[in-house]
PDB file of N, CA and C in Angstrom:
ATOM      1  N   LEU A   1     116.990  57.993  14.894  1.00  0.00           N
ATOM      2  CA  LEU A   1     118.234  58.727  14.839  1.00  0.00           C
ATOM      3  C   LEU A   1     118.222  59.738  13.691  1.00  0.00           C
ATOM      4  N   GLY A   2     117.658  59.342  12.555  1.00  0.00           N
ATOM      5  CA  GLY A   2     117.604  60.245  11.403  1.00  0.00           C
ATOM      6  C   GLY A   2     116.831  61.512  11.707  1.00  0.00           C
ATOM      7  N   ALA A   3     115.700  61.387  12.420  1.00  0.00           N
ATOM      8  CA  ALA A   3     114.895  62.560  12.768  1.00  0.00           C
ATOM      9  C   ALA A   3     115.659  63.470  13.727  1.00  0.00           C
ATOM     10  N   ASP A   4     116.390  62.874  14.661  1.00  0.00           N
ATOM     11  CA  ASP A   4     117.187  63.672  15.595  1.00  0.00           C
ATOM     12  C   ASP A   4     118.282  64.449  14.869  1.00  0.00           C
ATOM     13  N   LEU A   5     118.923  63.812  13.930  1.00  0.00           N
ATOM     14  CA  LEU A   5     119.962  64.487  13.149  1.00  0.00           C
ATOM     15  C   LEU A   5     119.371  65.606  12.297  1.00  0.00           C
ATOM     16  N   ASP A   6     118.179  65.389  11.758  1.00  0.00           N
ATOM     17  CA  ASP A   6     117.516  66.441  10.983  1.00  0.00           C
ATOM     18  C   ASP A   6     117.215  67.653  11.862  1.00  0.00           C
ATOM     19  N   ARG A   7     116.727  67.414  13.086  1.00  0.00           N
ATOM     20  CA  ARG A   7     116.444  68.528  14.002  1.00  0.00           C
ATOM     21  C   ARG A   7     117.727  69.268  14.370  1.00  0.00           C
ATOM     22  N   LEU A   8     118.792  68.510  14.607  1.00  0.00           N
ATOM     23  CA  LEU A   8     120.076  69.141  14.917  1.00  0.00           C
ATOM     24  C   LEU A   8     120.555  69.990  13.744  1.00  0.00           C
ATOM     25  N   ASN A   9     120.428  69.484  12.541  1.00  0.00           N
ATOM     26  CA  ASN A   9     120.815  70.240  11.346  1.00  0.00           C
ATOM     27  C   ASN A   9     119.990  71.515  11.227  1.00  0.00           C
ATOM     28  N   ASP A  10     118.682  71.423  11.457  1.00  0.00           N
ATOM     29  CA  ASP A  10     117.817  72.608  11.382  1.00  0.00           C
ATOM     30  C   ASP A  10     118.237  73.656  12.415  1.00  0.00           C
ATOM     31  N   THR A  11     118.561  73.203  13.614  1.00  0.00           N
ATOM     32  CA  THR A  11     118.981  74.132  14.666  1.00  0.00           C
ATOM     33  C   THR A  11     120.297  74.804  14.302  1.00  0.00           C
ATOM     34  N   LEU A  12     121.248  74.022  13.832  1.00  0.00           N
ATOM     35  CA  LEU A  12     122.541  74.604  13.451  1.00  0.00           C
ATOM     36  C   LEU A  12     122.399  75.577  12.290  1.00  0.00           C
ATOM     37  N   GLN A  13     121.555  75.243  11.325  1.00  0.00           N
ATOM     38  CA  GLN A  13     121.302  76.162  10.204  1.00  0.00           C
ATOM     39  C   GLN A  13     120.660  77.450  10.703  1.00  0.00           C
ATOM     40  N   GLY A  14     119.738  77.326  11.668  1.00  0.00           N
ATOM     41  CA  GLY A  14     119.101  78.508  12.241  1.00  0.00           C
ATOM     42  C   GLY A  14     120.098  79.408  12.939  1.00  0.00           C
ATOM     43  N   VAL A  15     121.013  78.820  13.689  1.00  0.00           N
ATOM     44  CA  VAL A  15     122.045  79.608  14.377  1.00  0.00           C
ATOM     45  C   VAL A  15     122.941  80.303  13.356  1.00  0.00           C
ATOM     46  N   LEU A  16     123.304  79.598  12.307  1.00  0.00           N
ATOM     47  CA  LEU A  16     124.174  80.174  11.280  1.00  0.00           C
ATOM     48  C   LEU A  16     123.501  81.343  10.567  1.00  0.00           C
ATOM     49  N   THR A  17     122.246  81.185  10.196  1.00  0.00           N
ATOM     50  CA  THR A  17     121.579  82.208   9.395  1.00  0.00           C
ATOM     51  C   THR A  17     120.862  83.272  10.221  1.00  0.00           C
ATOM     52  N   HIS A  18     120.386  82.917  11.424  1.00  0.00           N
ATOM     53  CA  HIS A  18     119.592  83.856  12.234  1.00  0.00           C
ATOM     54  C   HIS A  18     120.085  83.947  13.672  1.00  0.00           C
ATOM     55  N   GLY A  19     121.361  83.726  13.896  1.00  0.00           N
ATOM     56  CA  GLY A  19     121.898  83.804  15.248  1.00  0.00           C
ATOM     57  C   GLY A  19     121.891  85.222  15.772  1.00  0.00           C
ATOM     58  N   GLY A  20     122.010  85.344  17.047  1.00  0.00           N
ATOM     59  CA  GLY A  20     122.037  86.679  17.621  1.00  0.00           C
ATOM     60  C   GLY A  20     122.206  86.633  19.115  1.00  0.00           C
ATOM     61  N   SER A  21     122.188  87.803  19.710  1.00  0.00           N
ATOM     62  CA  SER A  21     122.262  87.900  21.161  1.00  0.00           C
ATOM     63  C   SER A  21     121.438  89.086  21.627  1.00  0.00           C
ATOM     64  N   VAL A  22     121.048  89.042  22.879  1.00  0.00           N
ATOM     65  CA  VAL A  22     120.322  90.140  23.510  1.00  0.00           C
ATOM     66  C   VAL A  22     121.024  90.443  24.825  1.00  0.00           C
ATOM     67  N   PHE A  23     121.090  91.729  25.176  1.00  0.00           N
ATOM     68  CA  PHE A  23     121.740  92.134  26.416  1.00  0.00           C
ATOM     69  C   PHE A  23     121.097  93.427  26.906  1.00  0.00           C
ATOM     70  N   LEU A  24     121.318  93.732  28.165  1.00  0.00           N
ATOM     71  CA  LEU A  24     120.795  94.951  28.780  1.00  0.00           C
ATOM     72  C   LEU A  24     121.956  95.889  29.095  1.00  0.00           C
ATOM     73  N   ASP A  25     121.689  97.200  29.100  1.00  0.00           N
ATOM     74  CA  ASP A  25     122.743  98.167  29.410  1.00  0.00           C
ATOM     75  C   ASP A  25     123.179  98.080  30.868  1.00  0.00           C
ATOM     76  N   ARG A  26     122.342  97.520  31.707  1.00  0.00           N
ATOM     77  CA  ARG A  26     122.664  97.268  33.123  1.00  0.00           C
ATOM     78  C   ARG A  26     121.778  96.113  33.563  1.00  0.00           C
ATOM     79  N   ASN A  27     122.187  95.389  34.570  1.00  0.00           N
ATOM     80  CA  ASN A  27     121.384  94.232  34.937  1.00  0.00           C
ATOM     81  C   ASN A  27     120.503  94.456  36.152  1.00  0.00           C
ATOM     82  N   SER A  28     120.561  95.643  36.759  1.00  0.00           N
ATOM     83  CA  SER A  28     119.665  95.922  37.875  1.00  0.00           C
ATOM     84  C   SER A  28     119.380  97.417  37.951  1.00  0.00           C
ATOM     85  N   ALA A  29     118.246  97.718  38.581  1.00  0.00           N
ATOM     86  CA  ALA A  29     117.848  99.114  38.759  1.00  0.00           C
ATOM     87  C   ALA A  29     116.917  99.205  39.962  1.00  0.00           C
ATOM     88  N   THR A  30     116.754 100.431  40.453  1.00  0.00           N
ATOM     89  CA  THR A  30     115.842 100.717  41.558  1.00  0.00           C
ATOM     90  C   THR A  30     114.821 101.733  41.069  1.00  0.00           C
ATOM     91  N   ALA A  31     113.570 101.549  41.481  1.00  0.00           N
ATOM     92  CA  ALA A  31     112.511 102.463  41.043  1.00  0.00           C
ATOM     93  C   ALA A  31     111.545 102.711  42.195  1.00  0.00           C
ATOM     94  N   PHE A  32     110.872 103.864  42.140  1.00  0.00           N
ATOM     95  CA  PHE A  32     109.828 104.188  43.090  1.00  0.00           C
ATOM     96  C   PHE A  32     108.486 103.717  42.543  1.00  0.00           C
ATOM     97  N   PRO A  33     107.529 103.375  43.414  1.00  0.00           N
ATOM     98  CA  PRO A  33     106.211 102.957  42.935  1.00  0.00           C
ATOM     99  C   PRO A  33     105.598 104.004  42.005  1.00  0.00           C
ATOM    100  N   GLY A  34     105.105 103.541  40.890  1.00  0.00           N
ATOM    101  CA  GLY A  34     104.461 104.415  39.916  1.00  0.00           C
ATOM    102  C   GLY A  34     105.409 105.161  39.001  1.00  0.00           C
ATOM    103  N   VAL A  35     106.712 105.020  39.210  1.00  0.00           N
ATOM    104  CA  VAL A  35     107.697 105.729  38.396  1.00  0.00           C
ATOM    105  C   VAL A  35     108.472 104.708  37.557  1.00  0.00           C
ATOM    106  N   PRO A  36     108.379 104.799  36.240  1.00  0.00           N
ATOM    107  CA  PRO A  36     109.078 103.813  35.409  1.00  0.00           C
ATOM    108  C   PRO A  36     110.594 104.002  35.440  1.00  0.00           C
ATOM    109  N   THR A  37     111.288 102.900  35.314  1.00  0.00           N
ATOM    110  CA  THR A  37     112.730 102.930  35.096  1.00  0.00           C
ATOM    111  C   THR A  37     112.983 102.231  33.772  1.00  0.00           C
ATOM    112  N   THR A  38     113.955 102.722  33.037  1.00  0.00           N
ATOM    113  CA  THR A  38     114.158 102.247  31.666  1.00  0.00           C
ATOM    114  C   THR A  38     115.492 101.533  31.523  1.00  0.00           C
ATOM    115  N   PHE A  39     115.431 100.393  30.847  1.00  0.00           N
ATOM    116  CA  PHE A  39     116.616  99.638  30.460  1.00  0.00           C
ATOM    117  C   PHE A  39     116.773  99.764  28.950  1.00  0.00           C
ATOM    118  N   LEU A  40     118.002  99.948  28.478  1.00  0.00           N
ATOM    119  CA  LEU A  40     118.273  99.848  27.050  1.00  0.00           C
ATOM    120  C   LEU A  40     118.476  98.372  26.734  1.00  0.00           C
ATOM    121  N   VAL A  41     117.791  97.902  25.691  1.00  0.00           N
ATOM    122  CA  VAL A  41     117.907  96.511  25.272  1.00  0.00           C
ATOM    123  C   VAL A  41     118.815  96.476  24.047  1.00  0.00           C
ATOM    124  N   GLY A  42     119.914  95.768  24.162  1.00  0.00           N
ATOM    125  CA  GLY A  42     120.834  95.630  23.045  1.00  0.00           C
ATOM    126  C   GLY A  42     120.582  94.338  22.296  1.00  0.00           C
ATOM    127  N   LEU A  43     120.719  94.397  20.991  1.00  0.00           N
ATOM    128  CA  LEU A  43     120.532  93.219  20.139  1.00  0.00           C
ATOM    129  C   LEU A  43     121.647  93.158  19.116  1.00  0.00           C
ATOM    130  N   SER A  44     122.083  91.939  18.820  1.00  0.00           N
ATOM    131  CA  SER A  44     123.080  91.711  17.772  1.00  0.00           C
ATOM    132  C   SER A  44     122.584  90.609  16.857  1.00  0.00           C
ATOM    133  N   ASN A  45     122.786  90.800  15.558  1.00  0.00           N
ATOM    134  CA  ASN A  45     122.508  89.754  14.585  1.00  0.00           C
ATOM    135  C   ASN A  45     123.846  89.162  14.159  1.00  0.00           C
ATOM    136  N   THR A  46     124.129  87.955  14.635  1.00  0.00           N
ATOM    137  CA  THR A  46     125.376  87.280  14.278  1.00  0.00           C
ATOM    138  C   THR A  46     125.184  86.317  13.113  1.00  0.00           C
ATOM    139  N   GLY A  47     123.984  86.301  12.555  1.00  0.00           N
ATOM    140  CA  GLY A  47     123.690  85.406  11.445  1.00  0.00           C
ATOM    141  C   GLY A  47     124.096  85.982  10.104  1.00  0.00           C
ATOM    142  N   THR A  48     123.810  85.223   9.069  1.00  0.00           N
ATOM    143  CA  THR A  48     124.180  85.617   7.715  1.00  0.00           C
ATOM    144  C   THR A  48     123.028  86.237   6.931  1.00  0.00           C
ATOM    145  N   LEU A  49     121.838  86.303   7.534  1.00  0.00           N
ATOM    146  CA  LEU A  49     120.665  86.879   6.876  1.00  0.00           C
ATOM    147  C   LEU A  49     120.051  87.969   7.739  1.00  0.00           C
ATOM    148  N   PRO A  50     119.347  88.938   7.121  1.00  0.00           N
ATOM    149  CA  PRO A  50     118.582  89.889   7.932  1.00  0.00           C
ATOM    150  C   PRO A  50     117.602  89.107   8.809  1.00  0.00           C
ATOM    151  N   THR A  51     117.464  89.534  10.055  1.00  0.00           N
ATOM    152  CA  THR A  51     116.642  88.780  10.995  1.00  0.00           C
ATOM    153  C   THR A  51     115.740  89.714  11.782  1.00  0.00           C
ATOM    154  N   THR A  52     114.467  89.331  11.880  1.00  0.00           N
ATOM    155  CA  THR A  52     113.507  90.030  12.714  1.00  0.00           C
ATOM    156  C   THR A  52     113.392  89.286  14.032  1.00  0.00           C
ATOM    157  N   PHE A  53     113.635  90.004  15.127  1.00  0.00           N
ATOM    158  CA  PHE A  53     113.543  89.425  16.463  1.00  0.00           C
ATOM    159  C   PHE A  53     112.244  89.876  17.117  1.00  0.00           C
ATOM    160  N   ASP A  54     111.530  88.930  17.720  1.00  0.00           N
ATOM    161  CA  ASP A  54     110.357  89.232  18.540  1.00  0.00           C
ATOM    162  C   ASP A  54     110.808  89.271  19.992  1.00  0.00           C
ATOM    163  N   LEU A  55     110.406  90.318  20.705  1.00  0.00           N
ATOM    164  CA  LEU A  55     110.859  90.532  22.080  1.00  0.00           C
ATOM    165  C   LEU A  55     109.719  90.361  23.070  1.00  0.00           C
ATOM    166  N   SER A  56     110.062  89.810  24.226  1.00  0.00           N
ATOM    167  CA  SER A  56     109.099  89.703  25.317  1.00  0.00           C
ATOM    168  C   SER A  56     109.876  89.752  26.627  1.00  0.00           C
ATOM    169  N   VAL A  57     109.153  89.899  27.719  1.00  0.00           N
ATOM    170  CA  VAL A  57     109.765  89.862  29.047  1.00  0.00           C
ATOM    171  C   VAL A  57     108.962  88.873  29.882  1.00  0.00           C
ATOM    172  N   VAL A  58     109.659  88.035  30.620  1.00  0.00           N
ATOM    173  CA  VAL A  58     109.013  87.030  31.456  1.00  0.00           C
ATOM    174  C   VAL A  58     109.574  87.102  32.862  1.00  0.00           C
ATOM    175  N   GLY A  59     108.803  86.574  33.810  1.00  0.00           N
ATOM    176  CA  GLY A  59     109.278  86.444  35.180  1.00  0.00           C
ATOM    177  C   GLY A  59     108.959  87.593  36.107  1.00  0.00           C
ATOM    178  N   LEU A  60     108.305  88.625  35.608  1.00  0.00           N
ATOM    179  CA  LEU A  60     107.972  89.745  36.492  1.00  0.00           C
ATOM    180  C   LEU A  60     106.822  89.350  37.414  1.00  0.00           C
ATOM    181  N   PRO A  61     106.891  89.750  38.670  1.00  0.00           N
ATOM    182  CA  PRO A  61     105.797  89.434  39.591  1.00  0.00           C
ATOM    183  C   PRO A  61     104.614  90.369  39.359  1.00  0.00           C
ATOM    184  N   PRO A  62     103.453  89.994  39.898  1.00  0.00           N
ATOM    185  CA  PRO A  62     102.335  90.950  39.885  1.00  0.00           C
ATOM    186  C   PRO A  62     102.792  92.224  40.590  1.00  0.00           C
ATOM    187  N   GLY A  63     102.346  93.351  40.116  1.00  0.00           N
ATOM    188  CA  GLY A  63     102.755  94.607  40.729  1.00  0.00           C
ATOM    189  C   GLY A  63     103.899  95.291  40.014  1.00  0.00           C
ATOM    190  N   VAL A  64     104.356  94.703  38.908  1.00  0.00           N
ATOM    191  CA  VAL A  64     105.364  95.367  38.073  1.00  0.00           C
ATOM    192  C   VAL A  64     104.882  95.274  36.633  1.00  0.00           C
ATOM    193  N   SER A  65     104.687  96.430  36.002  1.00  0.00           N
ATOM    194  CA  SER A  65     104.263  96.427  34.597  1.00  0.00           C
ATOM    195  C   SER A  65     105.471  96.663  33.698  1.00  0.00           C
ATOM    196  N   ALA A  66     105.364  96.142  32.483  1.00  0.00           N
ATOM    197  CA  ALA A  66     106.468  96.244  31.526  1.00  0.00           C
ATOM    198  C   ALA A  66     105.950  96.766  30.195  1.00  0.00           C
ATOM    199  N   ALA A  67     106.784  97.581  29.522  1.00  0.00           N
ATOM    200  CA  ALA A  67     106.436  98.083  28.186  1.00  0.00           C
ATOM    201  C   ALA A  67     107.715  98.269  27.375  1.00  0.00           C
ATOM    202  N   PHE A  68     107.756  97.632  26.200  1.00  0.00           N
ATOM    203  CA  PHE A  68     108.855  97.834  25.261  1.00  0.00           C
ATOM    204  C   PHE A  68     108.534  99.023  24.367  1.00  0.00           C
ATOM    205  N   SER A  69     109.559  99.740  23.912  1.00  0.00           N
ATOM    206  CA  SER A  69     109.348 100.803  22.928  1.00  0.00           C
ATOM    207  C   SER A  69     108.934 100.206  21.587  1.00  0.00           C
ATOM    208  N   GLN A  70     109.377  98.981  21.317  1.00  0.00           N
ATOM    209  CA  GLN A  70     108.939  98.204  20.158  1.00  0.00           C
ATOM    210  C   GLN A  70     109.164  96.738  20.490  1.00  0.00           C
ATOM    211  N   THR A  71     108.254  95.893  20.033  1.00  0.00           N
ATOM    212  CA  THR A  71     108.342  94.471  20.379  1.00  0.00           C
ATOM    213  C   THR A  71     108.970  93.638  19.273  1.00  0.00           C
ATOM    214  N   THR A  72     109.261  94.249  18.143  1.00  0.00           N
ATOM    215  CA  THR A  72     109.991  93.568  17.070  1.00  0.00           C
ATOM    216  C   THR A  72     111.025  94.532  16.510  1.00  0.00           C
ATOM    217  N   ILE A  73     112.115  93.951  16.038  1.00  0.00           N
ATOM    218  CA  ILE A  73     113.143  94.766  15.395  1.00  0.00           C
ATOM    219  C   ILE A  73     113.883  93.888  14.395  1.00  0.00           C
ATOM    220  N   THR A  74     114.215  94.480  13.248  1.00  0.00           N
ATOM    221  CA  THR A  74     114.943  93.755  12.209  1.00  0.00           C
ATOM    222  C   THR A  74     116.358  94.308  12.122  1.00  0.00           C
ATOM    223  N   LEU A  75     117.328  93.394  12.141  1.00  0.00           N
ATOM    224  CA  LEU A  75     118.734  93.774  12.059  1.00  0.00           C
ATOM    225  C   LEU A  75     119.378  93.114  10.845  1.00  0.00           C
ATOM    226  N   ALA A  76     120.277  93.839  10.226  1.00  0.00           N
ATOM    227  CA  ALA A  76     121.069  93.300   9.116  1.00  0.00           C
ATOM    228  C   ALA A  76     122.135  92.358   9.683  1.00  0.00           C
ATOM    229  N   PRO A  77     122.678  91.474   8.849  1.00  0.00           N
ATOM    230  CA  PRO A  77     123.761  90.610   9.317  1.00  0.00           C
ATOM    231  C   PRO A  77     124.915  91.447   9.876  1.00  0.00           C
ATOM    232  N   GLY A  78     125.402  91.072  11.052  1.00  0.00           N
ATOM    233  CA  GLY A  78     126.513  91.772  11.678  1.00  0.00           C
ATOM    234  C   GLY A  78     126.128  93.039  12.431  1.00  0.00           C
ATOM    235  N   GLN A  79     124.869  93.441  12.372  1.00  0.00           N
ATOM    236  CA  GLN A  79     124.440  94.684  13.017  1.00  0.00           C
ATOM    237  C   GLN A  79     124.202  94.483  14.512  1.00  0.00           C
ATOM    238  N   THR A  80     124.649  95.453  15.306  1.00  0.00           N
ATOM    239  CA  THR A  80     124.368  95.505  16.737  1.00  0.00           C
ATOM    240  C   THR A  80     123.712  96.849  17.011  1.00  0.00           C
ATOM    241  N   LEU A  81     122.689  96.836  17.840  1.00  0.00           N
ATOM    242  CA  LEU A  81     121.956  98.060  18.126  1.00  0.00           C
ATOM    243  C   LEU A  81     121.664  98.128  19.619  1.00  0.00           C
ATOM    244  N   ILE A  82     122.018  99.250  20.220  1.00  0.00           N
ATOM    245  CA  ILE A  82     121.622  99.538  21.601  1.00  0.00           C
ATOM    246  C   ILE A  82     121.434 101.039  21.715  1.00  0.00           C
ATOM    247  N   GLY A  83     120.276 101.417  22.190  1.00  0.00           N
ATOM    248  CA  GLY A  83     119.971 102.831  22.350  1.00  0.00           C
ATOM    249  C   GLY A  83     119.735 103.524  21.020  1.00  0.00           C
ATOM    250  N   GLY A  84     119.704 104.834  21.067  1.00  0.00           N
ATOM    251  CA  GLY A  84     119.461 105.622  19.865  1.00  0.00           C
ATOM    252  C   GLY A  84     117.993 105.645  19.484  1.00  0.00           C
ATOM    253  N   SER A  85     117.678 106.400  18.476  1.00  0.00           N
ATOM    254  CA  SER A  85     116.278 106.560  18.087  1.00  0.00           C
ATOM    255  C   SER A  85     115.661 105.285  17.532  1.00  0.00           C
ATOM    256  N   ALA A  86     116.459 104.389  16.973  1.00  0.00           N
ATOM    257  CA  ALA A  86     115.933 103.135  16.434  1.00  0.00           C
ATOM    258  C   ALA A  86     116.060 101.987  17.434  1.00  0.00           C
ATOM    259  N   GLY A  87     116.648 102.242  18.582  1.00  0.00           N
ATOM    260  CA  GLY A  87     116.892 101.193  19.560  1.00  0.00           C
ATOM    261  C   GLY A  87     115.644 100.796  20.329  1.00  0.00           C
ATOM    262  N   VAL A  88     115.790  99.774  21.146  1.00  0.00           N
ATOM    263  CA  VAL A  88     114.692  99.248  21.941  1.00  0.00           C
ATOM    264  C   VAL A  88     114.931  99.585  23.406  1.00  0.00           C
ATOM    265  N   THR A  89     113.880 100.057  24.062  1.00  0.00           N
ATOM    266  CA  THR A  89     113.933 100.277  25.504  1.00  0.00           C
ATOM    267  C   THR A  89     112.860  99.420  26.167  1.00  0.00           C
ATOM    268  N   LEU A  90     113.102  99.077  27.413  1.00  0.00           N
ATOM    269  CA  LEU A  90     112.131  98.368  28.240  1.00  0.00           C
ATOM    270  C   LEU A  90     111.899  99.209  29.477  1.00  0.00           C
ATOM    271  N   SER A  91     110.650  99.634  29.675  1.00  0.00           N
ATOM    272  CA  SER A  91     110.289 100.407  30.863  1.00  0.00           C
ATOM    273  C   SER A  91     109.554  99.501  31.840  1.00  0.00           C
ATOM    274  N   LEU A  92     110.048  99.461  33.075  1.00  0.00           N
ATOM    275  CA  LEU A  92     109.416  98.688  34.135  1.00  0.00           C
ATOM    276  C   LEU A  92     108.907  99.658  35.191  1.00  0.00           C
ATOM    277  N   THR A  93     107.652  99.442  35.606  1.00  0.00           N
ATOM    278  CA  THR A  93     107.029 100.328  36.584  1.00  0.00           C
ATOM    279  C   THR A  93     106.459  99.509  37.726  1.00  0.00           C
ATOM    280  N   PRO A  94     106.997  99.686  38.944  1.00  0.00           N
ATOM    281  CA  PRO A  94     106.378  99.028  40.096  1.00  0.00           C
ATOM    282  C   PRO A  94     105.034  99.694  40.380  1.00  0.00           C
ATOM    283  N   THR A  95     103.986  98.911  40.460  1.00  0.00           N
ATOM    284  CA  THR A  95     102.658  99.468  40.702  1.00  0.00           C
ATOM    285  C   THR A  95     102.148  99.104  42.087  1.00  0.00           C
ATOM    286  N   GLY A  96     102.893  98.288  42.810  1.00  0.00           N
ATOM    287  CA  GLY A  96     102.473  97.868  44.144  1.00  0.00           C
ATOM    288  C   GLY A  96     103.523  98.202  45.174  1.00  0.00           C
ATOM    289  N   PRO A  97     103.274  97.792  46.404  1.00  0.00           N
ATOM    290  CA  PRO A  97     104.173  98.145  47.505  1.00  0.00           C
ATOM    291  C   PRO A  97     105.366  97.201  47.677  1.00  0.00           C
ATOM    292  N   THR A  98     105.571  96.255  46.791  1.00  0.00           N
ATOM    293  CA  THR A  98     106.633  95.264  46.936  1.00  0.00           C
ATOM    294  C   THR A  98     107.998  95.933  47.001  1.00  0.00           C
ATOM    295  N   LEU A  99     108.793  95.547  47.998  1.00  0.00           N
ATOM    296  CA  LEU A  99     110.133  96.091  48.132  1.00  0.00           C
ATOM    297  C   LEU A  99     111.194  95.042  47.848  1.00  0.00           C
ATOM    298  N   GLU A 100     110.793  93.830  47.568  1.00  0.00           N
ATOM    299  CA  GLU A 100     111.729  92.757  47.249  1.00  0.00           C
ATOM    300  C   GLU A 100     112.224  92.913  45.818  1.00  0.00           C
ATOM    301  N   PRO A 101     113.480  92.565  45.555  1.00  0.00           N
ATOM    302  CA  PRO A 101     113.960  92.587  44.166  1.00  0.00           C
ATOM    303  C   PRO A 101     113.126  91.644  43.305  1.00  0.00           C
ATOM    304  N   ALA A 102     112.815  92.083  42.116  1.00  0.00           N
ATOM    305  CA  ALA A 102     112.024  91.289  41.172  1.00  0.00           C
ATOM    306  C   ALA A 102     112.904  90.940  39.983  1.00  0.00           C
ATOM    307  N   GLY A 103     113.187  89.676  39.809  1.00  0.00           N
ATOM    308  CA  GLY A 103     113.958  89.250  38.651  1.00  0.00           C
ATOM    309  C   GLY A 103     113.086  89.192  37.415  1.00  0.00           C
ATOM    310  N   PHE A 104     113.695  89.378  36.264  1.00  0.00           N
ATOM    311  CA  PHE A 104     112.984  89.271  34.990  1.00  0.00           C
ATOM    312  C   PHE A 104     113.965  88.819  33.927  1.00  0.00           C
ATOM    313  N   THR A 105     113.418  88.361  32.817  1.00  0.00           N
ATOM    314  CA  THR A 105     114.232  87.922  31.693  1.00  0.00           C
ATOM    315  C   THR A 105     113.672  88.506  30.407  1.00  0.00           C
ATOM    316  N   VAL A 106     114.529  89.174  29.645  1.00  0.00           N
ATOM    317  CA  VAL A 106     114.163  89.646  28.314  1.00  0.00           C
ATOM    318  C   VAL A 106     114.456  88.507  27.345  1.00  0.00           C
ATOM    319  N   VAL A 107     113.485  88.203  26.488  1.00  0.00           N
ATOM    320  CA  VAL A 107     113.590  87.091  25.549  1.00  0.00           C
ATOM    321  C   VAL A 107     113.550  87.637  24.126  1.00  0.00           C
ATOM    322  N   ALA A 108     114.492  87.215  23.292  1.00  0.00           N
ATOM    323  CA  ALA A 108     114.530  87.585  21.871  1.00  0.00           C
ATOM    324  C   ALA A 108     114.507  86.294  21.055  1.00  0.00           C
ATOM    325  N   VAL A 109     113.524  86.198  20.149  1.00  0.00           N
ATOM    326  CA  VAL A 109     113.373  85.002  19.321  1.00  0.00           C
ATOM    327  C   VAL A 109     113.364  85.419  17.855  1.00  0.00           C
ATOM    328  N   PRO A 110     114.275  84.886  17.045  1.00  0.00           N
ATOM    329  CA  PRO A 110     114.249  85.184  15.612  1.00  0.00           C
ATOM    330  C   PRO A 110     112.993  84.575  14.969  1.00  0.00           C
ATOM    331  N   ARG A 111     112.262  85.356  14.206  1.00  0.00           N
ATOM    332  CA  ARG A 111     111.023  84.860  13.589  1.00  0.00           C
ATOM    333  C   ARG A 111     111.235  83.644  12.708  1.00  0.00           C
ATOM    334  N   ASP A 112     112.333  83.613  11.979  1.00  0.00           N
ATOM    335  CA  ASP A 112     112.568  82.514  11.044  1.00  0.00           C
ATOM    336  C   ASP A 112     113.314  81.344  11.670  1.00  0.00           C
ATOM    337  N   ALA A 113     113.541  81.398  12.974  1.00  0.00           N
ATOM    338  CA  ALA A 113     114.233  80.308  13.669  1.00  0.00           C
ATOM    339  C   ALA A 113     113.743  80.290  15.116  1.00  0.00           C
ATOM    340  N   ALA A 114     112.457  79.972  15.281  1.00  0.00           N
ATOM    341  CA  ALA A 114     111.810  80.069  16.592  1.00  0.00           C
ATOM    342  C   ALA A 114     112.443  79.172  17.648  1.00  0.00           C
ATOM    343  N   GLY A 115     113.218  78.174  17.240  1.00  0.00           N
ATOM    344  CA  GLY A 115     113.871  77.303  18.202  1.00  0.00           C
ATOM    345  C   GLY A 115     115.100  77.921  18.845  1.00  0.00           C
ATOM    346  N   ILE A 116     115.515  79.073  18.355  1.00  0.00           N
ATOM    347  CA  ILE A 116     116.697  79.756  18.903  1.00  0.00           C
ATOM    348  C   ILE A 116     116.209  80.874  19.811  1.00  0.00           C
ATOM    349  N   VAL A 117     116.361  80.688  21.096  1.00  0.00           N
ATOM    350  CA  VAL A 117     115.892  81.664  22.075  1.00  0.00           C
ATOM    351  C   VAL A 117     117.101  82.277  22.757  1.00  0.00           C
ATOM    352  N   ARG A 118     117.172  83.587  22.751  1.00  0.00           N
ATOM    353  CA  ARG A 118     118.248  84.316  23.415  1.00  0.00           C
ATOM    354  C   ARG A 118     117.648  85.084  24.586  1.00  0.00           C
ATOM    355  N   THR A 119     118.366  85.143  25.712  1.00  0.00           N
ATOM    356  CA  THR A 119     117.820  85.794  26.895  1.00  0.00           C
ATOM    357  C   THR A 119     118.853  86.696  27.566  1.00  0.00           C
ATOM    358  N   ALA A 120     118.338  87.657  28.324  1.00  0.00           N
ATOM    359  CA  ALA A 120     119.152  88.536  29.163  1.00  0.00           C
ATOM    360  C   ALA A 120     118.404  88.728  30.477  1.00  0.00           C
ATOM    361  N   ALA A 121     119.085  88.513  31.584  1.00  0.00           N
ATOM    362  CA  ALA A 121     118.443  88.596  32.898  1.00  0.00           C
ATOM    363  C   ALA A 121     118.698  89.955  33.526  1.00  0.00           C
ATOM    364  N   GLY A 122     117.719  90.394  34.317  1.00  0.00           N
ATOM    365  CA  GLY A 122     117.847  91.635  35.057  1.00  0.00           C
ATOM    366  C   GLY A 122     117.032  91.580  36.332  1.00  0.00           C
ATOM    367  N   SER A 123     117.150  92.621  37.148  1.00  0.00           N
ATOM    368  CA  SER A 123     116.330  92.700  38.358  1.00  0.00           C
ATOM    369  C   SER A 123     115.947  94.150  38.637  1.00  0.00           C
ATOM    370  N   LEU A 124     114.828  94.285  39.304  1.00  0.00           N
ATOM    371  CA  LEU A 124     114.297  95.601  39.666  1.00  0.00           C
ATOM    372  C   LEU A 124     113.929  95.576  41.138  1.00  0.00           C
ATOM    373  N   THR A 125     114.339  96.615  41.863  1.00  0.00           N
ATOM    374  CA  THR A 125     113.974  96.753  43.257  1.00  0.00           C
ATOM    375  C   THR A 125     113.138  98.011  43.386  1.00  0.00           C
ATOM    376  N   ALA A 126     111.968  97.873  44.019  1.00  0.00           N
ATOM    377  CA  ALA A 126     111.098  99.027  44.270  1.00  0.00           C
ATOM    378  C   ALA A 126     111.438  99.606  45.634  1.00  0.00           C
ATOM    379  N   ARG A 127     111.468 100.906  45.719  1.00  0.00           N
ATOM    380  CA  ARG A 127     111.731 101.603  46.981  1.00  0.00           C
ATOM    381  C   ARG A 127     110.464 102.334  47.404  1.00  0.00           C
ATOM    382  N   ALA A 128     110.248 102.394  48.694  1.00  0.00           N
ATOM    383  CA  ALA A 128     109.120 103.158  49.208  1.00  0.00           C
ATOM    384  C   ALA A 128     109.364 104.630  48.925  1.00  0.00           C
ATOM    385  N   GLU A 129     108.289 105.358  48.726  1.00  0.00           N
ATOM    386  CA  GLU A 129     108.446 106.791  48.439  1.00  0.00           C
ATOM    387  C   GLU A 129     108.921 107.553  49.643  1.00  0.00           C
TER     388      GLU A 129
END
């Protein structure tokens, strides 16, 4: 029981000091094969300390490539960032003939509190040219 309480305390401390959220400017988009479509990735630091978030995307099927404008970003306490020259974008490019919607999840993990995972879901539909 003591170890469980210690883990709970560590998690709560992580949320307090390095909490945050991640969101997308829209949750779905349509793209043509070979043509990237861009999502703005919004991030908020709700913690009490400056926090560096590591970003990744999961769940994309083969035939869709992904590229972030930056895979890490540091925010001051209370700071929210979406768009702009310092903001993060995610470009998704369908590279195959798939016409089915492809779901994906953007993941943001604070470096100093790896147990706190924040996610934002989206989908991409490829259209034939």
